[in-house]
């Protein structure tokens, strides 16, 4: 939500894709409309429906025209020891966090190459390269997105498509609600800047990678963690 709001405020025509429109998204759409900035619109779609992704991309391109950027931000988190995790839960995490963004990118990057270029930003996580107890499967899905970013950047760079990743640290979001205030405060104390990053920090990083100032940057992972991994 924070990323879509930031991009709309910067003049982009942002399209938020999700299963349903939340109250937060509705408020952000109204805010963008009232501010006279870039448009923020909602496209209902279940991103775990892998087989329908080509149709969704085709429909969006038909309605909104060429795609400048794709931000792969949709993901789910599920903690628990691997030895006790049901296979169905493992499959759900991999399907949503890895397979879906890869297949979605496949069809979006085709249109970008045909249109002469574009930007892809994959939202990974510091867990993808540091690890965290109880997040083995989640960490694996985020590590896969880092490898995907670096290899795809080499594949499509000559066609004018930049591919980068942003790796946020722990933030106060729905995905960290399993962590209590004490755990989050401990993480903040271990960070070089002694605080947690917030959603706006990540949104600004994504905005930078989508913009002209990042035209010569591709295949990198921009870490936004207030120095947690420093």
C-alpha atoms as a PDB file:
ATOM      1  CA  UNK A   1       0.000   0.000   0.000  1.00  0.00           C
ATOM      2  CA  UNK A   2       2.776   2.410   0.941  1.00  0.00           C
ATOM      3  CA  UNK A   3       4.555   1.782  -2.359  1.00  0.00           C
ATOM      4  CA  UNK A   4       1.446   2.389  -4.464  1.00  0.00           C
ATOM      5  CA  UNK A   5       0.655   5.567  -2.527  1.00  0.00           C
ATOM      6  CA  UNK A   6       4.215   6.867  -2.964  1.00  0.00           C
ATOM      7  CA  UNK A   7       4.274   6.188  -6.696  1.00  0.00           C
ATOM      8  CA  UNK A   8       0.917   7.867  -7.245  1.00  0.00           C
ATOM      9  CA  UNK A   9       2.102  10.909  -5.287  1.00  0.00           C
ATOM     10  CA  UNK A  10       5.179  11.070  -7.550  1.00  0.00           C
ATOM     11  CA  UNK A  11       3.069  11.233 -10.691  1.00  0.00           C
ATOM     12  CA  UNK A  12       2.983   7.601 -11.731  1.00  0.00           C
ATOM     13  CA  UNK A  13      -0.242   5.941 -12.785  1.00  0.00           C
ATOM     14  CA  UNK A  14      -0.123   3.115 -10.261  1.00  0.00           C
ATOM     15  CA  UNK A  15      -2.271   0.008 -10.442  1.00  0.00           C
ATOM     16  CA  UNK A  16      -2.650  -1.979  -7.228  1.00  0.00           C
ATOM     17  CA  UNK A  17      -3.357  -5.658  -7.899  1.00  0.00           C
ATOM     18  CA  UNK A  18      -4.872  -7.671  -5.053  1.00  0.00           C
ATOM     19  CA  UNK A  19      -7.695 -10.074  -4.279  1.00  0.00           C
ATOM     20  CA  UNK A  20      -9.859  -7.388  -2.712  1.00  0.00           C
ATOM     21  CA  UNK A  21      -9.895  -3.675  -2.075  1.00  0.00           C
ATOM     22  CA  UNK A  22      -9.201  -2.846   1.552  1.00  0.00           C
ATOM     23  CA  UNK A  23     -10.313   0.274   3.373  1.00  0.00           C
ATOM     24  CA  UNK A  24      -6.695   1.457   3.304  1.00  0.00           C
ATOM     25  CA  UNK A  25      -6.506   1.080  -0.460  1.00  0.00           C
ATOM     26  CA  UNK A  26      -9.835   2.846  -0.965  1.00  0.00           C
ATOM     27  CA  UNK A  27      -8.574   5.747   1.163  1.00  0.00           C
ATOM     28  CA  UNK A  28      -5.297   5.878  -0.797  1.00  0.00           C
ATOM     29  CA  UNK A  29      -7.186   5.964  -4.118  1.00  0.00           C
ATOM     30  CA  UNK A  30      -9.352   8.824  -2.871  1.00  0.00           C
ATOM     31  CA  UNK A  31      -6.290  10.647  -1.537  1.00  0.00           C
ATOM     32  CA  UNK A  32      -4.457  10.345  -4.878  1.00  0.00           C
ATOM     33  CA  UNK A  33      -7.512  11.574  -6.754  1.00  0.00           C
ATOM     34  CA  UNK A  34      -7.969  14.557  -4.474  1.00  0.00           C
ATOM     35  CA  UNK A  35      -4.302  15.532  -4.604  1.00  0.00           C
ATOM     36  CA  UNK A  36      -4.323  15.729  -8.374  1.00  0.00           C
ATOM     37  CA  UNK A  37      -1.196  13.581  -8.579  1.00  0.00           C
ATOM     38  CA  UNK A  38      -0.757  10.389 -10.550  1.00  0.00           C
ATOM     39  CA  UNK A  39      -3.696   8.042 -10.660  1.00  0.00           C
ATOM     40  CA  UNK A  40      -4.014   5.103  -8.282  1.00  0.00           C
ATOM     41  CA  UNK A  41      -6.362   2.378  -9.409  1.00  0.00           C
ATOM     42  CA  UNK A  42      -7.342  -1.068  -8.227  1.00  0.00           C
ATOM     43  CA  UNK A  43      -7.357  -4.235 -10.320  1.00  0.00           C
ATOM     44  CA  UNK A  44      -8.934  -7.213  -8.525  1.00  0.00           C
ATOM     45  CA  UNK A  45      -7.009 -10.419  -9.127  1.00  0.00           C
ATOM     46  CA  UNK A  46      -5.787 -13.419  -7.147  1.00  0.00           C
ATOM     47  CA  UNK A  47      -2.063 -13.571  -7.909  1.00  0.00           C
ATOM     48  CA  UNK A  48      -1.914 -17.196  -6.800  1.00  0.00           C
ATOM     49  CA  UNK A  49      -4.004 -18.079  -9.886  1.00  0.00           C
ATOM     50  CA  UNK A  50      -0.903 -18.743 -11.972  1.00  0.00           C
ATOM     51  CA  UNK A  51      -2.762 -19.946 -15.062  1.00  0.00           C
ATOM     52  CA  UNK A  52      -4.720 -16.681 -15.339  1.00  0.00           C
ATOM     53  CA  UNK A  53      -1.690 -14.356 -15.151  1.00  0.00           C
ATOM     54  CA  UNK A  54      -1.238 -14.043 -18.952  1.00  0.00           C
ATOM     55  CA  UNK A  55      -4.860 -12.965 -19.317  1.00  0.00           C
ATOM     56  CA  UNK A  56      -4.514 -10.440 -16.502  1.00  0.00           C
ATOM     57  CA  UNK A  57      -1.389  -8.862 -18.015  1.00  0.00           C
ATOM     58  CA  UNK A  58      -3.028  -8.680 -21.437  1.00  0.00           C
ATOM     59  CA  UNK A  59      -6.121  -7.016 -19.967  1.00  0.00           C
ATOM     60  CA  UNK A  60      -4.094  -4.436 -18.025  1.00  0.00           C
ATOM     61  CA  UNK A  61      -1.995  -3.581 -21.054  1.00  0.00           C
ATOM     62  CA  UNK A  62      -5.108  -3.203 -23.184  1.00  0.00           C
ATOM     63  CA  UNK A  63      -6.764  -0.903 -20.654  1.00  0.00           C
ATOM     64  CA  UNK A  64      -3.784   1.161 -19.492  1.00  0.00           C
ATOM     65  CA  UNK A  65      -1.246   0.910 -22.307  1.00  0.00           C
ATOM     66  CA  UNK A  66       2.494   0.131 -22.117  1.00  0.00           C
ATOM     67  CA  UNK A  67       3.872  -0.831 -18.715  1.00  0.00           C
ATOM     68  CA  UNK A  68       6.823   1.190 -17.468  1.00  0.00           C
ATOM     69  CA  UNK A  69       7.363  -0.715 -14.242  1.00  0.00           C
ATOM     70  CA  UNK A  70       6.419  -3.840 -12.342  1.00  0.00           C
ATOM     71  CA  UNK A  71       6.815  -4.037  -8.563  1.00  0.00           C
ATOM     72  CA  UNK A  72       6.583  -7.601  -7.280  1.00  0.00           C
ATOM     73  CA  UNK A  73       5.526  -6.865  -3.720  1.00  0.00           C
ATOM     74  CA  UNK A  74       2.717  -9.346  -3.038  1.00  0.00           C
ATOM     75  CA  UNK A  75       3.804 -12.081  -0.615  1.00  0.00           C
ATOM     76  CA  UNK A  76       2.684 -14.072   2.382  1.00  0.00           C
ATOM     77  CA  UNK A  77       4.632 -14.977   5.498  1.00  0.00           C
ATOM     78  CA  UNK A  78       4.161 -18.037   7.644  1.00  0.00           C
ATOM     79  CA  UNK A  79       6.476 -18.882  10.492  1.00  0.00           C
ATOM     80  CA  UNK A  80       7.081 -22.269  12.034  1.00  0.00           C
ATOM     81  CA  UNK A  81       9.698 -25.001  12.138  1.00  0.00           C
ATOM     82  CA  UNK A  82      10.164 -26.690   8.792  1.00  0.00           C
ATOM     83  CA  UNK A  83       9.909 -30.154  10.364  1.00  0.00           C
ATOM     84  CA  UNK A  84       6.385 -29.348  11.584  1.00  0.00           C
ATOM     85  CA  UNK A  85       5.118 -27.344   8.628  1.00  0.00           C
ATOM     86  CA  UNK A  86       2.423 -29.028   6.485  1.00  0.00           C
ATOM     87  CA  UNK A  87       3.430 -29.621   2.876  1.00  0.00           C
ATOM     88  CA  UNK A  88       0.392 -27.635   1.736  1.00  0.00           C
ATOM     89  CA  UNK A  89       1.664 -24.603   3.641  1.00  0.00           C
ATOM     90  CA  UNK A  90       5.124 -24.918   2.091  1.00  0.00           C
ATOM     91  CA  UNK A  91       3.572 -25.153  -1.359  1.00  0.00           C
ATOM     92  CA  UNK A  92       1.371 -22.110  -0.704  1.00  0.00           C
ATOM     93  CA  UNK A  93       4.362 -19.986   0.317  1.00  0.00           C
ATOM     94  CA  UNK A  94       6.449 -21.015  -2.685  1.00  0.00           C
ATOM     95  CA  UNK A  95       3.529 -20.544  -5.064  1.00  0.00           C
ATOM     96  CA  UNK A  96       2.720 -17.027  -3.886  1.00  0.00           C
ATOM     97  CA  UNK A  97       6.199 -15.699  -3.083  1.00  0.00           C
ATOM     98  CA  UNK A  98       8.255 -17.266  -5.876  1.00  0.00           C
ATOM     99  CA  UNK A  99       6.273 -18.889  -8.676  1.00  0.00           C
ATOM    100  CA  UNK A 100       3.650 -16.157  -9.040  1.00  0.00           C
ATOM    101  CA  UNK A 101       6.075 -13.203  -9.361  1.00  0.00           C
ATOM    102  CA  UNK A 102       8.297 -15.162 -11.759  1.00  0.00           C
ATOM    103  CA  UNK A 103       5.429 -16.053 -14.083  1.00  0.00           C
ATOM    104  CA  UNK A 104       3.938 -12.568 -13.818  1.00  0.00           C
ATOM    105  CA  UNK A 105       7.314 -11.062 -14.693  1.00  0.00           C
ATOM    106  CA  UNK A 106       7.608 -13.399 -17.680  1.00  0.00           C
ATOM    107  CA  UNK A 107       4.542 -11.901 -19.334  1.00  0.00           C
ATOM    108  CA  UNK A 108       5.181  -8.310 -18.279  1.00  0.00           C
ATOM    109  CA  UNK A 109       8.789  -8.369 -19.480  1.00  0.00           C
ATOM    110  CA  UNK A 110       7.628  -9.584 -22.891  1.00  0.00           C
ATOM    111  CA  UNK A 111       5.547  -6.436 -23.328  1.00  0.00           C
ATOM    112  CA  UNK A 112       8.365  -4.260 -21.964  1.00  0.00           C
ATOM    113  CA  UNK A 113      10.822  -5.653 -24.513  1.00  0.00           C
ATOM    114  CA  UNK A 114       8.305  -5.049 -27.286  1.00  0.00           C
ATOM    115  CA  UNK A 115       7.808  -1.464 -26.088  1.00  0.00           C
ATOM    116  CA  UNK A 116      11.534  -0.710 -25.844  1.00  0.00           C
ATOM    117  CA  UNK A 117      12.247  -1.080 -22.142  1.00  0.00           C
ATOM    118  CA  UNK A 118      10.975  -0.922 -18.588  1.00  0.00           C
ATOM    119  CA  UNK A 119      11.763  -1.431 -14.921  1.00  0.00           C
ATOM    120  CA  UNK A 120      11.187  -4.411 -12.662  1.00  0.00           C
ATOM    121  CA  UNK A 121      11.614  -4.176  -8.896  1.00  0.00           C
ATOM    122  CA  UNK A 122      11.333  -7.323  -6.799  1.00  0.00           C
ATOM    123  CA  UNK A 123      10.680  -6.860  -3.091  1.00  0.00           C
ATOM    124  CA  UNK A 124      12.831  -9.426  -1.307  1.00  0.00           C
ATOM    125  CA  UNK A 125      13.877  -9.412   2.365  1.00  0.00           C
ATOM    126  CA  UNK A 126      17.054  -9.430   4.432  1.00  0.00           C
ATOM    127  CA  UNK A 127      15.869 -12.859   5.612  1.00  0.00           C
ATOM    128  CA  UNK A 128      16.819 -14.059   2.131  1.00  0.00           C
ATOM    129  CA  UNK A 129      20.514 -13.666   2.972  1.00  0.00           C
ATOM    130  CA  UNK A 130      20.673 -13.633   6.777  1.00  0.00           C
ATOM    131  CA  UNK A 131      18.193 -16.354   7.716  1.00  0.00           C
ATOM    132  CA  UNK A 132      15.902 -16.345  10.761  1.00  0.00           C
ATOM    133  CA  UNK A 133      14.747 -19.195  12.956  1.00  0.00           C
ATOM    134  CA  UNK A 134      11.259 -20.337  12.038  1.00  0.00           C
ATOM    135  CA  UNK A 135      11.316 -18.644   8.631  1.00  0.00           C
ATOM    136  CA  UNK A 136      13.189 -21.233   6.558  1.00  0.00           C
ATOM    137  CA  UNK A 137      10.600 -21.492   3.793  1.00  0.00           C
ATOM    138  CA  UNK A 138       9.872 -17.760   3.706  1.00  0.00           C
ATOM    139  CA  UNK A 139      13.614 -17.068   3.635  1.00  0.00           C
ATOM    140  CA  UNK A 140      14.059 -19.518   0.765  1.00  0.00           C
ATOM    141  CA  UNK A 141      11.371 -17.775  -1.287  1.00  0.00           C
ATOM    142  CA  UNK A 142      12.986 -14.385  -0.752  1.00  0.00           C
ATOM    143  CA  UNK A 143      16.471 -15.717  -1.535  1.00  0.00           C
ATOM    144  CA  UNK A 144      15.086 -17.097  -4.774  1.00  0.00           C
ATOM    145  CA  UNK A 145      13.877 -13.623  -5.743  1.00  0.00           C
ATOM    146  CA  UNK A 146      17.383 -12.242  -5.250  1.00  0.00           C
ATOM    147  CA  UNK A 147      18.859 -14.863  -7.563  1.00  0.00           C
ATOM    148  CA  UNK A 148      16.022 -14.284 -10.006  1.00  0.00           C
ATOM    149  CA  UNK A 149      16.743 -10.547 -10.012  1.00  0.00           C
ATOM    150  CA  UNK A 150      20.437 -10.888 -10.768  1.00  0.00           C
ATOM    151  CA  UNK A 151      20.059 -13.445 -13.548  1.00  0.00           C
ATOM    152  CA  UNK A 152      17.077 -11.771 -15.211  1.00  0.00           C
ATOM    153  CA  UNK A 153      18.951  -8.450 -15.249  1.00  0.00           C
ATOM    154  CA  UNK A 154      21.549 -10.072 -17.498  1.00  0.00           C
ATOM    155  CA  UNK A 155      18.904 -11.657 -19.729  1.00  0.00           C
ATOM    156  CA  UNK A 156      16.877  -8.555 -20.503  1.00  0.00           C
ATOM    157  CA  UNK A 157      19.303  -5.671 -20.036  1.00  0.00           C
ATOM    158  CA  UNK A 158      20.180  -5.497 -23.728  1.00  0.00           C
ATOM    159  CA  UNK A 159      16.477  -4.960 -24.425  1.00  0.00           C
ATOM    160  CA  UNK A 160      16.360  -1.915 -22.167  1.00  0.00           C
ATOM    161  CA  UNK A 161      14.800  -3.540 -19.099  1.00  0.00           C
ATOM    162  CA  UNK A 162      16.345  -2.836 -15.683  1.00  0.00           C
ATOM    163  CA  UNK A 163      15.773  -5.462 -12.980  1.00  0.00           C
ATOM    164  CA  UNK A 164      16.553  -4.753  -9.332  1.00  0.00           C
ATOM    165  CA  UNK A 165      15.452  -5.821  -5.872  1.00  0.00           C
ATOM    166  CA  UNK A 166      14.766  -4.068  -2.586  1.00  0.00           C
ATOM    167  CA  UNK A 167      15.444  -6.038   0.595  1.00  0.00           C
ATOM    168  CA  UNK A 168      13.613  -4.513   3.567  1.00  0.00           C
ATOM    169  CA  UNK A 169      14.553  -5.307   7.133  1.00  0.00           C
ATOM    170  CA  UNK A 170      12.070  -5.932   9.929  1.00  0.00           C
ATOM    171  CA  UNK A 171       9.308  -3.324   9.993  1.00  0.00           C
ATOM    172  CA  UNK A 172       6.080  -2.872  11.928  1.00  0.00           C
ATOM    173  CA  UNK A 173       3.681  -4.358   9.398  1.00  0.00           C
ATOM    174  CA  UNK A 174       1.081  -7.114   9.248  1.00  0.00           C
ATOM    175  CA  UNK A 175       3.857  -9.542   8.292  1.00  0.00           C
ATOM    176  CA  UNK A 176       5.689  -8.984  11.591  1.00  0.00           C
ATOM    177  CA  UNK A 177       2.639  -9.103  13.846  1.00  0.00           C
ATOM    178  CA  UNK A 178       3.893 -12.416  15.267  1.00  0.00           C
ATOM    179  CA  UNK A 179       6.799 -10.505  16.826  1.00  0.00           C
ATOM    180  CA  UNK A 180       6.045  -8.647  20.037  1.00  0.00           C
ATOM    181  CA  UNK A 181       7.292  -5.144  20.857  1.00  0.00           C
ATOM    182  CA  UNK A 182      10.201  -6.536  22.852  1.00  0.00           C
ATOM    183  CA  UNK A 183      11.492  -8.561  19.911  1.00  0.00           C
ATOM    184  CA  UNK A 184      11.175  -5.623  17.540  1.00  0.00           C
ATOM    185  CA  UNK A 185      12.934  -3.332  20.013  1.00  0.00           C
ATOM    186  CA  UNK A 186      15.766  -5.844  20.298  1.00  0.00           C
ATOM    187  CA  UNK A 187      16.124  -5.884  16.496  1.00  0.00           C
ATOM    188  CA  UNK A 188      16.175  -2.064  16.490  1.00  0.00           C
ATOM    189  CA  UNK A 189      18.917  -1.985  19.146  1.00  0.00           C
ATOM    190  CA  UNK A 190      21.066  -4.306  17.025  1.00  0.00           C
ATOM    191  CA  UNK A 191      20.729  -2.030  13.996  1.00  0.00           C
ATOM    192  CA  UNK A 192      23.384   0.567  13.220  1.00  0.00           C
ATOM    193  CA  UNK A 193      20.825   3.409  13.235  1.00  0.00           C
ATOM    194  CA  UNK A 194      19.049   2.082  16.345  1.00  0.00           C
ATOM    195  CA  UNK A 195      15.608   2.115  14.787  1.00  0.00           C
ATOM    196  CA  UNK A 196      13.470   0.070  12.423  1.00  0.00           C
ATOM    197  CA  UNK A 197      12.885   1.127   8.822  1.00  0.00           C
ATOM    198  CA  UNK A 198       9.330   1.978   7.867  1.00  0.00           C
ATOM    199  CA  UNK A 199       7.196   1.380   4.795  1.00  0.00           C
ATOM    200  CA  UNK A 200       7.928   4.854   3.420  1.00  0.00           C
ATOM    201  CA  UNK A 201      11.659   4.075   3.430  1.00  0.00           C
ATOM    202  CA  UNK A 202      11.027   1.045   1.235  1.00  0.00           C
ATOM    203  CA  UNK A 203       8.616   2.967  -0.995  1.00  0.00           C
ATOM    204  CA  UNK A 204      11.233   5.664  -1.639  1.00  0.00           C
ATOM    205  CA  UNK A 205      13.777   2.993  -2.578  1.00  0.00           C
ATOM    206  CA  UNK A 206      11.327   1.477  -5.076  1.00  0.00           C
ATOM    207  CA  UNK A 207      10.557   4.937  -6.469  1.00  0.00           C
ATOM    208  CA  UNK A 208      14.268   5.568  -7.007  1.00  0.00           C
ATOM    209  CA  UNK A 209      14.791   2.285  -8.874  1.00  0.00           C
ATOM    210  CA  UNK A 210      11.813   3.018 -11.142  1.00  0.00           C
ATOM    211  CA  UNK A 211      13.029   6.530 -11.968  1.00  0.00           C
ATOM    212  CA  UNK A 212      15.477   8.060 -14.435  1.00  0.00           C
ATOM    213  CA  UNK A 213      18.175   8.466 -11.778  1.00  0.00           C
ATOM    214  CA  UNK A 214      18.539   4.679 -11.714  1.00  0.00           C
ATOM    215  CA  UNK A 215      18.837   4.244 -15.500  1.00  0.00           C
ATOM    216  CA  UNK A 216      22.317   2.695 -15.169  1.00  0.00           C
ATOM    217  CA  UNK A 217      21.495   0.488 -12.190  1.00  0.00           C
ATOM    218  CA  UNK A 218      20.471  -3.117 -12.731  1.00  0.00           C
ATOM    219  CA  UNK A 219      20.996  -6.463 -11.042  1.00  0.00           C
ATOM    220  CA  UNK A 220      21.440  -5.005  -7.551  1.00  0.00           C
ATOM    221  CA  UNK A 221      19.786  -5.583  -4.194  1.00  0.00           C
ATOM    222  CA  UNK A 222      19.131  -2.351  -2.318  1.00  0.00           C
ATOM    223  CA  UNK A 223      18.955  -3.121   1.396  1.00  0.00           C
ATOM    224  CA  UNK A 224      16.664  -0.944   3.502  1.00  0.00           C
ATOM    225  CA  UNK A 225      17.124  -2.153   7.078  1.00  0.00           C
ATOM    226  CA  UNK A 226      18.470   0.805   9.122  1.00  0.00           C
ATOM    227  CA  UNK A 227      21.810  -0.990   9.287  1.00  0.00           C
ATOM    228  CA  UNK A 228      20.556  -4.264  10.736  1.00  0.00           C
ATOM    229  CA  UNK A 229      22.904  -6.220   8.464  1.00  0.00           C
ATOM    230  CA  UNK A 230      25.753  -3.679   8.538  1.00  0.00           C
END
